[in-house]
């Protein structure tokens, strides 16, 4: 079953179970997927759906941080719920050791030797870590390894 189909099935289950919060969050997810499909006039595959979900997770994390700084616990709780729900559709996150090893092997495969090669390394890694690691952290780790 594709990721998109799984999300649509979960929407139906949430409707049947009258779970309002979950249904609202799932509708946000399906709306984001549909918007991307309409904008690009394509049917999204699992990798593209993962990219949409990854972007939504990043947005939720940023919003959560802002709401917590502002003392808006009600909005922070809503963002946290949405974040947790979206993350259930993402693959198992990479551990720090797995990520470091993946970066090392990619750098070795590409023969990258300086910070100028960072773009090529990031492009090679993007498909492998999409939805499994924060790209900001990946970028920092690549920068660190290329600098040493």
C-alpha atoms as a PDB file:
ATOM      1  CA  UNK A   1       0.000   0.000   0.000  1.00  0.00           C
ATOM      2  CA  UNK A   2       1.398   3.383  -0.943  1.00  0.00           C
ATOM      3  CA  UNK A   3       1.941   6.050   1.668  1.00  0.00           C
ATOM      4  CA  UNK A   4      -0.725   8.256   0.132  1.00  0.00           C
ATOM      5  CA  UNK A   5      -3.265   5.397   0.235  1.00  0.00           C
ATOM      6  CA  UNK A   6      -2.373   4.671   3.856  1.00  0.00           C
ATOM      7  CA  UNK A   7      -3.036   8.297   4.797  1.00  0.00           C
ATOM      8  CA  UNK A   8      -6.377   8.255   2.966  1.00  0.00           C
ATOM      9  CA  UNK A   9      -7.378   5.065   4.790  1.00  0.00           C
ATOM     10  CA  UNK A  10      -6.475   6.672   8.108  1.00  0.00           C
ATOM     11  CA  UNK A  11      -8.691   9.646   7.218  1.00  0.00           C
ATOM     12  CA  UNK A  12     -11.602   7.260   6.687  1.00  0.00           C
ATOM     13  CA  UNK A  13     -10.918   5.484   9.979  1.00  0.00           C
ATOM     14  CA  UNK A  14     -10.717   8.785  11.858  1.00  0.00           C
ATOM     15  CA  UNK A  15     -14.060   9.804  10.334  1.00  0.00           C
ATOM     16  CA  UNK A  16     -15.673   6.529  11.394  1.00  0.00           C
ATOM     17  CA  UNK A  17     -14.249   6.805  14.917  1.00  0.00           C
ATOM     18  CA  UNK A  18     -15.258  10.492  15.232  1.00  0.00           C
ATOM     19  CA  UNK A  19     -11.711  11.510  16.175  1.00  0.00           C
ATOM     20  CA  UNK A  20     -11.895  15.208  15.406  1.00  0.00           C
ATOM     21  CA  UNK A  21      -8.307  16.220  16.194  1.00  0.00           C
ATOM     22  CA  UNK A  22      -6.810  13.341  14.260  1.00  0.00           C
ATOM     23  CA  UNK A  23      -9.154  13.937  11.337  1.00  0.00           C
ATOM     24  CA  UNK A  24      -8.270  17.641  11.214  1.00  0.00           C
ATOM     25  CA  UNK A  25      -4.542  16.861  11.222  1.00  0.00           C
ATOM     26  CA  UNK A  26      -4.910  14.171   8.556  1.00  0.00           C
ATOM     27  CA  UNK A  27      -6.903  16.545   6.389  1.00  0.00           C
ATOM     28  CA  UNK A  28      -4.032  19.038   6.608  1.00  0.00           C
ATOM     29  CA  UNK A  29      -1.709  16.311   5.366  1.00  0.00           C
ATOM     30  CA  UNK A  30      -3.979  15.285   2.484  1.00  0.00           C
ATOM     31  CA  UNK A  31      -4.497  18.942   1.549  1.00  0.00           C
ATOM     32  CA  UNK A  32      -0.730  19.523   1.383  1.00  0.00           C
ATOM     33  CA  UNK A  33      -0.294  16.432  -0.795  1.00  0.00           C
ATOM     34  CA  UNK A  34      -3.169  17.437  -3.076  1.00  0.00           C
ATOM     35  CA  UNK A  35      -1.826  21.001  -3.354  1.00  0.00           C
ATOM     36  CA  UNK A  36       1.558  19.699  -4.490  1.00  0.00           C
ATOM     37  CA  UNK A  37      -0.147  17.435  -7.045  1.00  0.00           C
ATOM     38  CA  UNK A  38      -2.252  20.281  -8.406  1.00  0.00           C
ATOM     39  CA  UNK A  39       0.666  22.716  -8.529  1.00  0.00           C
ATOM     40  CA  UNK A  40       2.908  20.307 -10.408  1.00  0.00           C
ATOM     41  CA  UNK A  41       0.130  18.483 -12.300  1.00  0.00           C
ATOM     42  CA  UNK A  42       1.465  15.067 -11.343  1.00  0.00           C
ATOM     43  CA  UNK A  43       0.536  12.105  -9.180  1.00  0.00           C
ATOM     44  CA  UNK A  44       2.955  12.000  -6.241  1.00  0.00           C
ATOM     45  CA  UNK A  45       4.894   8.818  -5.545  1.00  0.00           C
ATOM     46  CA  UNK A  46       6.002   7.737  -2.056  1.00  0.00           C
ATOM     47  CA  UNK A  47       9.290   9.636  -2.240  1.00  0.00           C
ATOM     48  CA  UNK A  48       7.518  12.870  -3.161  1.00  0.00           C
ATOM     49  CA  UNK A  49       4.892  12.340  -0.430  1.00  0.00           C
ATOM     50  CA  UNK A  50       7.763  11.865   2.026  1.00  0.00           C
ATOM     51  CA  UNK A  51       9.215  15.191   0.902  1.00  0.00           C
ATOM     52  CA  UNK A  52       5.861  16.885   1.599  1.00  0.00           C
ATOM     53  CA  UNK A  53       5.641  15.231   5.023  1.00  0.00           C
ATOM     54  CA  UNK A  54       9.227  16.181   5.802  1.00  0.00           C
ATOM     55  CA  UNK A  55       8.447  19.810   4.972  1.00  0.00           C
ATOM     56  CA  UNK A  56       5.355  19.690   7.192  1.00  0.00           C
ATOM     57  CA  UNK A  57       7.408  18.268  10.077  1.00  0.00           C
ATOM     58  CA  UNK A  58       9.919  21.092   9.708  1.00  0.00           C
ATOM     59  CA  UNK A  59       7.114  23.675   9.725  1.00  0.00           C
ATOM     60  CA  UNK A  60       5.544  22.117  12.829  1.00  0.00           C
ATOM     61  CA  UNK A  61       8.863  22.088  14.684  1.00  0.00           C
ATOM     62  CA  UNK A  62       9.444  25.764  13.922  1.00  0.00           C
ATOM     63  CA  UNK A  63       5.892  26.694  14.938  1.00  0.00           C
ATOM     64  CA  UNK A  64       6.131  24.619  18.103  1.00  0.00           C
ATOM     65  CA  UNK A  65       9.310  26.421  19.106  1.00  0.00           C
ATOM     66  CA  UNK A  66       7.717  29.835  18.484  1.00  0.00           C
ATOM     67  CA  UNK A  67       4.547  28.974  20.412  1.00  0.00           C
ATOM     68  CA  UNK A  68       6.560  27.690  23.360  1.00  0.00           C
ATOM     69  CA  UNK A  69       8.651  30.878  23.424  1.00  0.00           C
ATOM     70  CA  UNK A  70       5.456  32.948  23.377  1.00  0.00           C
ATOM     71  CA  UNK A  71       3.895  30.893  26.177  1.00  0.00           C
ATOM     72  CA  UNK A  72       1.018  29.704  23.991  1.00  0.00           C
ATOM     73  CA  UNK A  73       0.708  26.208  25.433  1.00  0.00           C
ATOM     74  CA  UNK A  74      -2.669  25.604  23.754  1.00  0.00           C
ATOM     75  CA  UNK A  75      -1.248  26.196  20.274  1.00  0.00           C
ATOM     76  CA  UNK A  76       1.973  24.369  21.148  1.00  0.00           C
ATOM     77  CA  UNK A  77      -0.046  21.300  22.177  1.00  0.00           C
ATOM     78  CA  UNK A  78      -1.917  21.358  18.852  1.00  0.00           C
ATOM     79  CA  UNK A  79       1.333  21.646  16.884  1.00  0.00           C
ATOM     80  CA  UNK A  80       2.872  18.817  18.929  1.00  0.00           C
ATOM     81  CA  UNK A  81      -0.129  16.588  18.199  1.00  0.00           C
ATOM     82  CA  UNK A  82       0.144  17.297  14.459  1.00  0.00           C
ATOM     83  CA  UNK A  83       3.907  16.760  14.552  1.00  0.00           C
ATOM     84  CA  UNK A  84       3.524  13.400  16.292  1.00  0.00           C
ATOM     85  CA  UNK A  85       0.840  12.297  13.842  1.00  0.00           C
ATOM     86  CA  UNK A  86       2.841  13.275  10.756  1.00  0.00           C
ATOM     87  CA  UNK A  87       5.948  11.536  12.096  1.00  0.00           C
ATOM     88  CA  UNK A  88       4.070   8.215  12.230  1.00  0.00           C
ATOM     89  CA  UNK A  89       4.158   8.193   8.413  1.00  0.00           C
ATOM     90  CA  UNK A  90       7.889   8.852   8.186  1.00  0.00           C
ATOM     91  CA  UNK A  91      10.381   5.981   8.063  1.00  0.00           C
ATOM     92  CA  UNK A  92      12.461   5.015  11.103  1.00  0.00           C
ATOM     93  CA  UNK A  93      14.854   7.898  11.895  1.00  0.00           C
ATOM     94  CA  UNK A  94      18.565   7.343  11.443  1.00  0.00           C
ATOM     95  CA  UNK A  95      20.715   7.172  14.559  1.00  0.00           C
ATOM     96  CA  UNK A  96      23.659   9.564  14.851  1.00  0.00           C
ATOM     97  CA  UNK A  97      26.068   6.693  14.139  1.00  0.00           C
ATOM     98  CA  UNK A  98      24.131   5.527  11.075  1.00  0.00           C
ATOM     99  CA  UNK A  99      23.991   9.077   9.738  1.00  0.00           C
ATOM    100  CA  UNK A 100      27.712   9.631  10.297  1.00  0.00           C
ATOM    101  CA  UNK A 101      28.540   6.360   8.516  1.00  0.00           C
ATOM    102  CA  UNK A 102      26.235   7.221   5.603  1.00  0.00           C
ATOM    103  CA  UNK A 103      27.899  10.628   5.257  1.00  0.00           C
ATOM    104  CA  UNK A 104      31.387   9.080   5.423  1.00  0.00           C
ATOM    105  CA  UNK A 105      30.580   6.514   2.742  1.00  0.00           C
ATOM    106  CA  UNK A 106      28.945   9.111   0.468  1.00  0.00           C
ATOM    107  CA  UNK A 107      31.962  11.424   0.786  1.00  0.00           C
ATOM    108  CA  UNK A 108      34.269   8.499  -0.020  1.00  0.00           C
ATOM    109  CA  UNK A 109      32.132   7.378  -2.988  1.00  0.00           C
ATOM    110  CA  UNK A 110      32.108  10.869  -4.477  1.00  0.00           C
ATOM    111  CA  UNK A 111      35.739  11.550  -3.659  1.00  0.00           C
ATOM    112  CA  UNK A 112      34.717  14.792  -1.971  1.00  0.00           C
ATOM    113  CA  UNK A 113      37.625  16.532  -0.312  1.00  0.00           C
ATOM    114  CA  UNK A 114      36.616  20.099   0.469  1.00  0.00           C
ATOM    115  CA  UNK A 115      33.660  22.250   1.433  1.00  0.00           C
ATOM    116  CA  UNK A 116      33.214  23.051  -2.285  1.00  0.00           C
ATOM    117  CA  UNK A 117      31.952  19.491  -2.775  1.00  0.00           C
ATOM    118  CA  UNK A 118      29.201  19.945  -0.176  1.00  0.00           C
ATOM    119  CA  UNK A 119      26.424  20.451  -2.768  1.00  0.00           C
ATOM    120  CA  UNK A 120      27.219  17.183  -4.517  1.00  0.00           C
ATOM    121  CA  UNK A 121      27.359  15.309  -1.205  1.00  0.00           C
ATOM    122  CA  UNK A 122      24.039  16.796  -0.047  1.00  0.00           C
ATOM    123  CA  UNK A 123      22.356  15.915  -3.363  1.00  0.00           C
ATOM    124  CA  UNK A 124      23.597  12.329  -3.090  1.00  0.00           C
ATOM    125  CA  UNK A 125      22.412  12.064   0.518  1.00  0.00           C
ATOM    126  CA  UNK A 126      19.021  13.718   0.059  1.00  0.00           C
ATOM    127  CA  UNK A 127      17.224  10.644  -1.274  1.00  0.00           C
ATOM    128  CA  UNK A 128      18.724   8.381   1.384  1.00  0.00           C
ATOM    129  CA  UNK A 129      17.925  10.538   4.411  1.00  0.00           C
ATOM    130  CA  UNK A 130      14.637  12.148   3.301  1.00  0.00           C
ATOM    131  CA  UNK A 131      12.208  11.856   6.192  1.00  0.00           C
ATOM    132  CA  UNK A 132      14.750   9.971   8.295  1.00  0.00           C
ATOM    133  CA  UNK A 133      16.921  12.877   9.470  1.00  0.00           C
ATOM    134  CA  UNK A 134      16.697  16.636   9.822  1.00  0.00           C
ATOM    135  CA  UNK A 135      18.380  18.088   6.736  1.00  0.00           C
ATOM    136  CA  UNK A 136      19.768  20.968   8.803  1.00  0.00           C
ATOM    137  CA  UNK A 137      21.593  18.474  11.031  1.00  0.00           C
ATOM    138  CA  UNK A 138      22.742  16.507   7.976  1.00  0.00           C
ATOM    139  CA  UNK A 139      24.135  19.677   6.418  1.00  0.00           C
ATOM    140  CA  UNK A 140      26.016  20.532   9.597  1.00  0.00           C
ATOM    141  CA  UNK A 141      27.443  17.007   9.850  1.00  0.00           C
ATOM    142  CA  UNK A 142      28.570  17.051   6.193  1.00  0.00           C
ATOM    143  CA  UNK A 143      30.192  20.444   6.720  1.00  0.00           C
ATOM    144  CA  UNK A 144      32.024  19.137   9.798  1.00  0.00           C
ATOM    145  CA  UNK A 145      33.288  16.018   8.028  1.00  0.00           C
ATOM    146  CA  UNK A 146      34.405  17.916   4.930  1.00  0.00           C
ATOM    147  CA  UNK A 147      36.264  20.473   7.038  1.00  0.00           C
ATOM    148  CA  UNK A 148      38.319  17.829   8.855  1.00  0.00           C
END
